[in-house]
N, C-alpha and C. Protein backbone atom coordinates (compact mmCIF):
# COMPACT_ATOMS: atom_id res chain seq x y z
N MET A 1 12.46 7.89 9.63
CA MET A 1 12.27 7.19 10.97
C MET A 1 13.45 6.75 12.09
N ALA A 2 12.54 7.22 13.07
CA ALA A 2 13.75 7.41 14.63
C ALA A 2 14.36 6.01 14.80
N LEU A 3 15.73 6.17 15.32
CA LEU A 3 16.00 4.83 15.94
C LEU A 3 16.33 4.67 17.16
N ALA A 4 16.73 3.68 17.70
CA ALA A 4 16.68 3.57 19.17
C ALA A 4 17.85 1.97 19.19
N TRP A 5 18.15 2.31 20.51
CA TRP A 5 18.87 1.08 20.97
C TRP A 5 17.95 -0.06 21.49
N TYR A 6 18.56 -1.22 20.91
CA TYR A 6 17.76 -2.73 21.62
C TYR A 6 18.71 -3.52 21.73
N ALA A 7 18.66 -3.78 23.29
CA ALA A 7 19.32 -5.24 23.51
C ALA A 7 19.07 -6.18 22.87
N TYR A 8 20.40 -7.14 22.32
CA TYR A 8 20.12 -8.69 22.48
C TYR A 8 19.47 -9.46 23.38
N ILE A 9 18.14 -9.96 23.39
CA ILE A 9 17.66 -10.93 24.56
C ILE A 9 17.99 -12.42 23.60
N GLY A 10 18.63 -13.09 22.40
CA GLY A 10 18.87 -14.10 22.07
C GLY A 10 17.62 -14.88 20.97
N GLY A 11 17.86 -15.79 20.36
CA GLY A 11 17.58 -16.04 19.40
C GLY A 11 18.18 -15.84 17.75
N ASN A 12 17.43 -15.34 16.83
CA ASN A 12 18.06 -15.07 15.43
C ASN A 12 18.33 -14.02 15.66
N PRO A 13 19.69 -13.21 15.27
CA PRO A 13 19.95 -12.18 15.49
C PRO A 13 19.48 -10.96 14.60
N ASN A 14 18.93 -11.67 13.35
CA ASN A 14 18.17 -10.84 11.88
C ASN A 14 16.85 -10.50 12.42
N ALA A 15 15.89 -10.99 13.16
CA ALA A 15 14.86 -11.04 13.64
C ALA A 15 14.48 -10.11 15.16
N PRO A 16 13.49 -9.35 14.74
CA PRO A 16 13.37 -8.02 15.57
C PRO A 16 12.98 -8.68 16.89
N ALA A 17 11.98 -9.83 17.22
CA ALA A 17 11.57 -10.40 18.08
C ALA A 17 12.84 -10.69 19.39
N SER A 18 14.13 -10.71 18.62
CA SER A 18 15.29 -10.94 19.52
C SER A 18 15.81 -10.07 19.86
N TYR A 19 14.97 -8.56 20.26
CA TYR A 19 15.80 -7.67 20.98
C TYR A 19 14.72 -6.92 21.65
N ALA A 20 15.03 -6.23 22.82
CA ALA A 20 14.24 -5.38 23.72
C ALA A 20 14.95 -3.77 23.64
N LEU A 21 13.69 -3.28 23.93
CA LEU A 21 14.30 -1.64 23.67
C LEU A 21 14.80 -1.25 25.09
N LEU A 22 16.13 -0.27 24.73
CA LEU A 22 16.65 0.03 26.11
C LEU A 22 16.31 1.81 26.00
N LEU A 23 16.60 2.23 27.43
CA LEU A 23 15.98 3.93 27.42
C LEU A 23 17.61 4.62 26.94
N ALA A 24 18.79 3.81 26.83
CA ALA A 24 20.38 4.65 26.65
C ALA A 24 20.89 3.55 25.63
N GLN A 25 22.10 4.57 25.19
CA GLN A 25 22.96 3.37 24.39
C GLN A 25 23.48 2.73 25.74
N PRO A 26 23.57 1.23 25.52
CA PRO A 26 24.67 0.42 26.77
C PRO A 26 26.03 0.48 26.44
N GLY A 27 26.82 0.25 27.62
CA GLY A 27 28.50 0.46 27.63
C GLY A 27 29.17 -0.25 26.96
N CYS A 28 28.60 -1.67 26.61
CA CYS A 28 29.61 -2.41 25.87
C CYS A 28 29.81 -1.67 24.21
N VAL A 29 30.98 -2.46 24.00
CA VAL A 29 31.69 -2.50 22.86
C VAL A 29 32.20 -3.44 22.14
N ASN A 30 33.23 -3.89 22.46
CA ASN A 30 33.79 -4.91 21.59
C ASN A 30 33.86 -6.84 22.79
N GLY A 31 33.60 -7.46 22.16
CA GLY A 31 33.83 -9.04 22.66
C GLY A 31 32.97 -9.83 21.56
N PRO A 32 33.13 -11.19 22.16
CA PRO A 32 32.20 -12.54 21.18
C PRO A 32 31.28 -12.30 21.26
N ILE A 33 30.56 -11.48 22.30
CA ILE A 33 28.55 -11.83 22.32
C ILE A 33 28.29 -10.59 21.77
N LEU A 34 26.65 -10.68 20.97
CA LEU A 34 26.01 -9.94 20.48
C LEU A 34 25.26 -8.85 21.53
N CYS A 35 25.35 -7.66 21.61
CA CYS A 35 25.00 -6.59 22.78
C CYS A 35 24.05 -6.05 22.44
N ALA A 36 24.14 -5.42 21.68
CA ALA A 36 22.78 -4.12 21.18
C ALA A 36 23.27 -3.77 19.69
N ILE A 37 21.73 -3.38 19.28
CA ILE A 37 21.94 -2.79 17.87
C ILE A 37 21.25 -1.40 17.99
N LEU A 38 21.43 -0.86 17.13
CA LEU A 38 20.89 1.04 16.95
C LEU A 38 19.73 0.52 15.77
N ALA A 39 18.33 0.63 15.76
CA ALA A 39 17.60 0.03 14.89
C ALA A 39 17.12 0.95 14.73
N PRO A 40 15.86 1.09 13.55
CA PRO A 40 14.53 1.95 13.49
C PRO A 40 13.45 1.52 14.42
N SER A 41 13.12 2.48 15.03
CA SER A 41 11.74 2.36 15.73
C SER A 41 10.67 3.40 15.65
N ALA A 42 9.85 2.66 16.18
CA ALA A 42 8.52 3.40 16.27
C ALA A 42 7.78 3.81 17.70
N GLY A 43 8.97 3.54 18.44
CA GLY A 43 8.86 3.66 19.90
C GLY A 43 8.30 2.44 20.89
N GLY A 44 8.02 1.16 20.47
CA GLY A 44 7.57 -0.03 20.92
C GLY A 44 9.00 -0.57 21.37
N PRO A 45 8.48 -1.69 22.08
CA PRO A 45 9.31 -2.88 22.74
C PRO A 45 10.62 -3.45 21.94
N ILE A 46 10.11 -3.42 20.46
CA ILE A 46 10.98 -4.16 19.85
C ILE A 46 11.24 -3.43 18.39
N PRO A 47 12.35 -4.02 17.96
CA PRO A 47 12.21 -2.77 16.63
C PRO A 47 11.42 -3.15 15.39
N THR A 48 11.37 -1.92 14.65
CA THR A 48 10.23 -2.12 13.57
C THR A 48 10.94 -3.15 12.72
N SER A 49 12.21 -3.29 12.43
CA SER A 49 12.73 -4.09 11.12
C SER A 49 14.12 -3.77 11.38
N ILE A 50 14.99 -5.12 11.09
CA ILE A 50 16.46 -5.37 10.71
C ILE A 50 16.82 -5.38 9.20
N PRO A 51 17.06 -3.71 9.23
CA PRO A 51 17.40 -3.78 7.47
C PRO A 51 18.50 -4.63 6.94
N VAL A 52 18.76 -4.68 5.67
CA VAL A 52 19.55 -5.82 5.42
C VAL A 52 21.07 -5.08 5.55
N ALA A 53 21.19 -3.96 5.44
CA ALA A 53 22.52 -3.40 5.97
C ALA A 53 22.79 -3.62 7.26
N LEU A 54 22.17 -3.35 8.35
CA LEU A 54 21.98 -3.88 9.52
C LEU A 54 22.39 -5.40 9.75
N GLN A 55 21.55 -5.90 8.52
CA GLN A 55 22.19 -7.49 9.14
C GLN A 55 23.18 -7.45 8.51
N GLY A 56 23.99 -7.11 7.93
CA GLY A 56 25.31 -7.23 7.47
C GLY A 56 25.88 -6.78 8.51
N GLU A 57 26.07 -5.72 9.15
CA GLU A 57 26.99 -5.31 10.41
C GLU A 57 27.11 -5.94 11.23
N ILE A 58 25.63 -6.45 11.66
CA ILE A 58 25.22 -7.69 12.51
C ILE A 58 26.07 -8.80 12.14
N ALA A 59 26.31 -9.72 11.13
CA ALA A 59 27.03 -10.78 10.73
C ALA A 59 28.78 -9.96 10.93
N ASN A 60 29.27 -9.19 10.54
CA ASN A 60 30.77 -8.69 10.69
C ASN A 60 31.21 -8.62 12.02
N ALA A 61 30.24 -8.22 12.87
CA ALA A 61 30.18 -8.17 14.23
C ALA A 61 30.57 -9.79 15.11
N LEU A 62 29.74 -10.52 14.36
CA LEU A 62 29.71 -11.58 15.38
C LEU A 62 31.18 -12.25 14.49
N ALA A 63 31.38 -12.14 13.25
CA ALA A 63 32.57 -12.40 12.90
C ALA A 63 33.88 -11.61 13.30
N THR A 64 33.66 -10.72 13.46
CA THR A 64 35.19 -10.38 14.37
C THR A 64 35.30 -9.97 15.48
N GLY A 65 34.17 -10.12 16.31
CA GLY A 65 33.79 -9.74 17.54
C GLY A 65 34.03 -7.85 18.26
N LEU A 66 34.18 -7.08 17.13
CA LEU A 66 34.15 -5.78 16.93
C LEU A 66 32.94 -4.94 16.85
N ALA A 67 32.64 -3.71 17.31
CA ALA A 67 31.59 -2.89 17.29
C ALA A 67 31.63 -2.56 15.58
N GLN A 68 30.45 -2.50 14.97
CA GLN A 68 30.47 -2.24 13.46
C GLN A 68 29.64 -1.33 13.62
N PRO A 69 29.64 -0.23 12.42
CA PRO A 69 30.77 -0.38 11.16
C PRO A 69 32.00 0.00 11.81
N ASN A 70 33.29 -0.63 11.45
CA ASN A 70 34.28 -0.66 12.31
C ASN A 70 35.63 -0.06 10.98
N PRO A 71 36.40 1.00 10.58
CA PRO A 71 36.22 1.70 12.13
C PRO A 71 35.38 3.05 12.88
N ARG A 72 35.26 3.15 13.78
CA ARG A 72 33.68 3.51 14.13
C ARG A 72 33.86 5.04 14.35
N PRO A 73 35.31 5.96 14.49
CA PRO A 73 35.19 7.58 14.18
C PRO A 73 35.36 7.32 12.72
N PRO A 74 34.17 8.65 11.99
CA PRO A 74 33.44 9.26 12.83
C PRO A 74 32.09 8.43 12.82
N PHE A 75 32.10 7.52 12.26
CA PHE A 75 30.49 6.60 12.18
C PHE A 75 29.88 6.66 13.83
N VAL A 76 28.71 6.24 13.91
CA VAL A 76 27.72 6.22 15.51
C VAL A 76 28.09 4.28 15.16
N PRO A 77 28.23 3.49 16.31
CA PRO A 77 28.13 2.02 15.84
C PRO A 77 26.83 1.73 16.05
N GLU A 78 26.36 0.86 15.17
CA GLU A 78 25.12 0.38 15.29
C GLU A 78 24.96 -1.10 15.75
N VAL A 79 26.26 -1.73 16.05
CA VAL A 79 25.73 -3.40 16.42
C VAL A 79 27.05 -3.30 17.47
N LEU A 80 26.82 -2.92 18.83
CA LEU A 80 27.79 -3.48 19.74
C LEU A 80 27.83 -4.74 20.32
N MET A 81 29.28 -4.76 20.97
CA MET A 81 29.42 -6.56 21.46
C MET A 81 29.57 -6.17 22.76
N ARG A 82 29.70 -7.58 23.08
CA ARG A 82 29.74 -7.66 24.47
C ARG A 82 31.16 -8.79 25.44
N PRO A 83 31.69 -8.87 26.69
CA PRO A 83 32.44 -9.71 26.54
C PRO A 83 31.91 -11.09 27.35
């Protein structure tokens, strides 16, 4: 399944309805507020799911304020934070 970037718009960070489709990777990286996730997509306005592994990355990002997975290189960040 394809992946797409989704902006966090509020609510339960493990619920697909808490995100809106982005057309490009956002510029945010680190900070105390959840910014965006790279999640499974069928091309719709919300992610098709938030897999358990991604839920763990979201929890780590919220706990540390750092993009996840961390360290980033050579990984593509799946969870981005903002100031």
